[in-house]
Amino acid sequence: MKILNKNIKVTTQKSMDFIDLTEEAKEFVKLSQIKNGLLAIHSKHTTMAIRINESEKGIRYDIRELMKRLIPKGMYYRHNDLEVRTENLVCDKDASDCINGHSHCMHFLMGNSETIPVVDGNLTLGRWQRIFALELDCSRKREVEMLVMGE
């Protein structure tokens, strides 16, 4: 069995930014020369999801609106309350990057990885399926890990 990995660095522009990684994933599988196996794509962040969906403006809009309704930014999140939060602090009480409880909650629902079968050297994505890294917080530098394994 052959196993290869690739780290992708991306800079997101804003919250709910969809970064299409499909072509990069296809090229990685092609270069690996693996004919049959699996491709795993994983976000290294707790506020960036990896999801498969259609690349269509209406769907992206609908997903953004759904997340706003389900997990509003303006609600009380204990994660944002720096008077009670004591863990994993890398900011001071005025730093806005700690006020992202809604981003973590969205991530919990959306997940941070996808696994796609590789058959005959190709990802088995459906006709309209695309692989997205989805920014759930604010503009940031991000890392996504891809790993392909098989024969």
C-alpha atoms as a PDB file:
ATOM      1  CA  MET A   1       0.000   0.000   0.000  1.00  0.00           C
ATOM      2  CA  LYS A   2       1.166   3.480  -0.881  1.00  0.00           C
ATOM      3  CA  ILE A   3       0.468   6.543   1.333  1.00  0.00           C
ATOM      4  CA  LEU A   4       1.189  10.156   0.391  1.00  0.00           C
ATOM      5  CA  ASN A   5       0.250  13.417   2.053  1.00  0.00           C
ATOM      6  CA  LYS A   6       0.125  17.054   1.052  1.00  0.00           C
ATOM      7  CA  ASN A   7      -0.343  20.174   3.146  1.00  0.00           C
ATOM      8  CA  ILE A   8      -2.285  23.015   1.514  1.00  0.00           C
ATOM      9  CA  LYS A   9      -2.019  26.566   2.828  1.00  0.00           C
ATOM     10  CA  VAL A  10      -4.897  28.926   2.095  1.00  0.00           C
ATOM     11  CA  THR A  11      -5.819  32.408   3.226  1.00  0.00           C
ATOM     12  CA  THR A  12      -9.521  32.943   3.611  1.00  0.00           C
ATOM     13  CA  GLN A  13     -11.147  36.298   2.934  1.00  0.00           C
ATOM     14  CA  LYS A  14     -14.131  36.360   5.315  1.00  0.00           C
ATOM     15  CA  SER A  15     -16.571  34.341   7.355  1.00  0.00           C
ATOM     16  CA  MET A  16     -18.430  31.720   5.304  1.00  0.00           C
ATOM     17  CA  ASP A  17     -15.827  31.906   2.536  1.00  0.00           C
ATOM     18  CA  PHE A  18     -15.988  28.772   0.354  1.00  0.00           C
ATOM     19  CA  ILE A  19     -12.558  27.664  -0.918  1.00  0.00           C
ATOM     20  CA  ASP A  20     -12.887  25.061  -3.690  1.00  0.00           C
ATOM     21  CA  LEU A  21     -10.164  22.420  -3.285  1.00  0.00           C
ATOM     22  CA  THR A  22     -11.525  19.980  -5.868  1.00  0.00           C
ATOM     23  CA  GLU A  23      -9.012  20.521  -8.656  1.00  0.00           C
ATOM     24  CA  GLU A  24      -6.077  20.460  -6.251  1.00  0.00           C
ATOM     25  CA  ALA A  25      -7.376  17.185  -4.784  1.00  0.00           C
ATOM     26  CA  LYS A  26      -7.833  15.647  -8.252  1.00  0.00           C
ATOM     27  CA  GLU A  27      -4.324  16.669  -9.270  1.00  0.00           C
ATOM     28  CA  PHE A  28      -2.873  15.239  -6.039  1.00  0.00           C
ATOM     29  CA  VAL A  29      -4.592  11.884  -6.675  1.00  0.00           C
ATOM     30  CA  LYS A  30      -3.382  11.889 -10.290  1.00  0.00           C
ATOM     31  CA  LEU A  31       0.236  12.602  -9.274  1.00  0.00           C
ATOM     32  CA  SER A  32       0.100   9.892  -6.599  1.00  0.00           C
ATOM     33  CA  GLN A  33      -0.547   7.256  -9.311  1.00  0.00           C
ATOM     34  CA  ILE A  34      -2.825   5.437  -6.864  1.00  0.00           C
ATOM     35  CA  LYS A  35      -5.486   3.577  -8.819  1.00  0.00           C
ATOM     36  CA  ASN A  36      -7.761   2.389  -6.007  1.00  0.00           C
ATOM     37  CA  GLY A  37      -7.916   3.690  -2.459  1.00  0.00           C
ATOM     38  CA  LEU A  38      -9.068   6.671  -0.434  1.00  0.00           C
ATOM     39  CA  LEU A  39      -8.422  10.387  -0.258  1.00  0.00           C
ATOM     40  CA  ALA A  40      -8.893  12.012   3.151  1.00  0.00           C
ATOM     41  CA  ILE A  41      -9.062  15.798   3.436  1.00  0.00           C
ATOM     42  CA  HIS A  42      -8.808  17.304   6.905  1.00  0.00           C
ATOM     43  CA  SER A  43      -8.884  20.857   8.277  1.00  0.00           C
ATOM     44  CA  LYS A  44      -6.333  21.548  10.992  1.00  0.00           C
ATOM     45  CA  HIS A  45      -8.636  24.152  12.535  1.00  0.00           C
ATOM     46  CA  THR A  46     -11.656  24.107  14.834  1.00  0.00           C
ATOM     47  CA  THR A  47     -13.295  26.949  12.926  1.00  0.00           C
ATOM     48  CA  MET A  48     -12.851  25.692   9.352  1.00  0.00           C
ATOM     49  CA  ALA A  49     -15.002  22.899   7.948  1.00  0.00           C
ATOM     50  CA  ILE A  50     -14.366  20.558   5.024  1.00  0.00           C
ATOM     51  CA  ARG A  51     -17.568  19.714   3.158  1.00  0.00           C
ATOM     52  CA  ILE A  52     -18.698  18.342  -0.180  1.00  0.00           C
ATOM     53  CA  ASN A  53     -21.521  20.110  -1.953  1.00  0.00           C
ATOM     54  CA  GLU A  54     -22.542  21.735  -5.189  1.00  0.00           C
ATOM     55  CA  SER A  55     -20.699  24.843  -6.356  1.00  0.00           C
ATOM     56  CA  GLU A  56     -23.708  27.017  -7.010  1.00  0.00           C
ATOM     57  CA  LYS A  57     -24.278  30.573  -5.745  1.00  0.00           C
ATOM     58  CA  GLY A  58     -27.767  29.814  -4.457  1.00  0.00           C
ATOM     59  CA  ILE A  59     -26.603  26.844  -2.379  1.00  0.00           C
ATOM     60  CA  ARG A  60     -23.713  28.836  -0.903  1.00  0.00           C
ATOM     61  CA  TYR A  61     -26.146  31.644  -0.031  1.00  0.00           C
ATOM     62  CA  ASP A  62     -28.610  29.162   1.501  1.00  0.00           C
ATOM     63  CA  ILE A  63     -25.892  27.547   3.634  1.00  0.00           C
ATOM     64  CA  ARG A  64     -24.738  30.962   4.878  1.00  0.00           C
ATOM     65  CA  GLU A  65     -28.307  31.925   5.771  1.00  0.00           C
ATOM     66  CA  LEU A  66     -28.997  28.573   7.439  1.00  0.00           C
ATOM     67  CA  MET A  67     -25.939  28.952   9.667  1.00  0.00           C
ATOM     68  CA  LYS A  68     -26.992  32.502  10.607  1.00  0.00           C
ATOM     69  CA  ARG A  69     -30.426  31.214  11.657  1.00  0.00           C
ATOM     70  CA  LEU A  70     -29.174  28.107  13.467  1.00  0.00           C
ATOM     71  CA  ILE A  71     -26.136  29.638  15.168  1.00  0.00           C
ATOM     72  CA  PRO A  72     -26.418  33.443  15.338  1.00  0.00           C
ATOM     73  CA  LYS A  73     -23.216  35.327  16.012  1.00  0.00           C
ATOM     74  CA  GLY A  74     -24.910  37.676  18.504  1.00  0.00           C
ATOM     75  CA  MET A  75     -26.065  35.011  20.979  1.00  0.00           C
ATOM     76  CA  TYR A  76     -24.339  34.423  24.312  1.00  0.00           C
ATOM     77  CA  TYR A  77     -21.583  31.819  24.009  1.00  0.00           C
ATOM     78  CA  ARG A  78     -19.655  30.860  27.121  1.00  0.00           C
ATOM     79  CA  HIS A  79     -16.549  30.533  24.911  1.00  0.00           C
ATOM     80  CA  ASN A  80     -16.793  34.292  24.288  1.00  0.00           C
ATOM     81  CA  ASP A  81     -17.142  35.208  27.983  1.00  0.00           C
ATOM     82  CA  LEU A  82     -13.560  35.957  28.933  1.00  0.00           C
ATOM     83  CA  GLU A  83     -14.660  36.482  32.537  1.00  0.00           C
ATOM     84  CA  VAL A  84     -15.391  32.734  32.843  1.00  0.00           C
ATOM     85  CA  ARG A  85     -13.312  31.150  30.078  1.00  0.00           C
ATOM     86  CA  THR A  86      -9.905  30.035  31.312  1.00  0.00           C
ATOM     87  CA  GLU A  87      -8.764  27.440  28.751  1.00  0.00           C
ATOM     88  CA  ASN A  88      -6.871  27.777  25.457  1.00  0.00           C
ATOM     89  CA  LEU A  89      -6.523  31.542  25.690  1.00  0.00           C
ATOM     90  CA  VAL A  90      -4.116  32.966  23.128  1.00  0.00           C
ATOM     91  CA  CYS A  91      -5.536  36.459  23.230  1.00  0.00           C
ATOM     92  CA  ASP A  92      -6.206  39.245  25.655  1.00  0.00           C
ATOM     93  CA  LYS A  93      -9.653  40.389  26.781  1.00  0.00           C
ATOM     94  CA  ASP A  94      -9.897  42.895  23.904  1.00  0.00           C
ATOM     95  CA  ALA A  95      -8.969  40.498  21.101  1.00  0.00           C
ATOM     96  CA  SER A  96     -11.804  39.797  18.687  1.00  0.00           C
ATOM     97  CA  ASP A  97     -10.350  36.461  17.551  1.00  0.00           C
ATOM     98  CA  CYS A  98     -11.437  34.891  20.852  1.00  0.00           C
ATOM     99  CA  ILE A  99     -15.049  35.997  20.369  1.00  0.00           C
ATOM    100  CA  ASN A 100     -15.912  33.174  17.991  1.00  0.00           C
ATOM    101  CA  GLY A 101     -18.098  30.752  19.934  1.00  0.00           C
ATOM    102  CA  HIS A 102     -20.548  30.675  17.027  1.00  0.00           C
ATOM    103  CA  SER A 103     -17.737  29.565  14.683  1.00  0.00           C
ATOM    104  CA  HIS A 104     -16.853  26.617  16.911  1.00  0.00           C
ATOM    105  CA  CYS A 105     -20.523  25.601  17.170  1.00  0.00           C
ATOM    106  CA  MET A 106     -20.915  25.691  13.363  1.00  0.00           C
ATOM    107  CA  HIS A 107     -17.784  23.569  13.020  1.00  0.00           C
ATOM    108  CA  PHE A 108     -19.173  21.027  15.471  1.00  0.00           C
ATOM    109  CA  LEU A 109     -22.212  20.571  13.209  1.00  0.00           C
ATOM    110  CA  MET A 110     -20.345  20.675   9.904  1.00  0.00           C
ATOM    111  CA  GLY A 111     -17.215  18.651  10.660  1.00  0.00           C
ATOM    112  CA  ASN A 112     -13.618  18.994   9.596  1.00  0.00           C
ATOM    113  CA  SER A 113     -12.959  16.203   7.122  1.00  0.00           C
ATOM    114  CA  GLU A 114     -14.181  14.231   4.131  1.00  0.00           C
ATOM    115  CA  THR A 115     -13.069  10.856   2.800  1.00  0.00           C
ATOM    116  CA  ILE A 116     -13.560  10.111  -0.887  1.00  0.00           C
ATOM    117  CA  PRO A 117     -12.995   6.772  -2.633  1.00  0.00           C
ATOM    118  CA  VAL A 118     -10.444   6.652  -5.457  1.00  0.00           C
ATOM    119  CA  VAL A 119     -11.412   4.216  -8.225  1.00  0.00           C
ATOM    120  CA  ASP A 120      -9.389   3.722 -11.415  1.00  0.00           C
ATOM    121  CA  GLY A 121      -7.209   6.704 -10.456  1.00  0.00           C
ATOM    122  CA  ASN A 122     -10.133   9.133 -10.083  1.00  0.00           C
ATOM    123  CA  LEU A 123     -12.039  10.632  -7.186  1.00  0.00           C
ATOM    124  CA  THR A 124     -15.560   9.224  -7.179  1.00  0.00           C
ATOM    125  CA  LEU A 125     -17.285  12.578  -6.845  1.00  0.00           C
ATOM    126  CA  GLY A 126     -20.766  12.966  -8.262  1.00  0.00           C
ATOM    127  CA  ARG A 127     -21.445  15.178 -11.271  1.00  0.00           C
ATOM    128  CA  TRP A 128     -21.975  18.383  -9.266  1.00  0.00           C
ATOM    129  CA  GLN A 129     -19.924  17.601  -6.175  1.00  0.00           C
ATOM    130  CA  ARG A 130     -17.045  19.864  -5.186  1.00  0.00           C
ATOM    131  CA  ILE A 131     -14.772  19.757  -2.139  1.00  0.00           C
ATOM    132  CA  PHE A 132     -14.837  22.930  -0.054  1.00  0.00           C
ATOM    133  CA  ALA A 133     -12.856  24.324   2.827  1.00  0.00           C
ATOM    134  CA  LEU A 134     -15.409  26.548   4.522  1.00  0.00           C
ATOM    135  CA  GLU A 135     -14.218  29.411   6.716  1.00  0.00           C
ATOM    136  CA  LEU A 136     -16.458  29.709   9.761  1.00  0.00           C
ATOM    137  CA  ASP A 137     -14.670  32.575  11.492  1.00  0.00           C
ATOM    138  CA  CYS A 138     -12.826  35.526   9.938  1.00  0.00           C
ATOM    139  CA  SER A 139     -10.049  36.012   7.403  1.00  0.00           C
ATOM    140  CA  ARG A 140      -7.183  33.751   8.443  1.00  0.00           C
ATOM    141  CA  LYS A 141      -4.243  31.719   7.218  1.00  0.00           C
ATOM    142  CA  ARG A 142      -5.313  28.083   7.211  1.00  0.00           C
ATOM    143  CA  GLU A 143      -3.891  24.617   6.597  1.00  0.00           C
ATOM    144  CA  VAL A 144      -5.640  21.650   5.068  1.00  0.00           C
ATOM    145  CA  GLU A 145      -4.072  18.202   5.007  1.00  0.00           C
ATOM    146  CA  MET A 146      -4.712  15.743   2.179  1.00  0.00           C
ATOM    147  CA  LEU A 147      -3.732  12.096   2.436  1.00  0.00           C
ATOM    148  CA  VAL A 148      -4.182   9.544  -0.319  1.00  0.00           C
ATOM    149  CA  MET A 149      -3.654   5.848   0.271  1.00  0.00           C
ATOM    150  CA  GLY A 150      -4.137   2.779  -1.813  1.00  0.00           C
ATOM    151  CA  GLU A 151      -2.570   0.752  -4.581  1.00  0.00           C
END
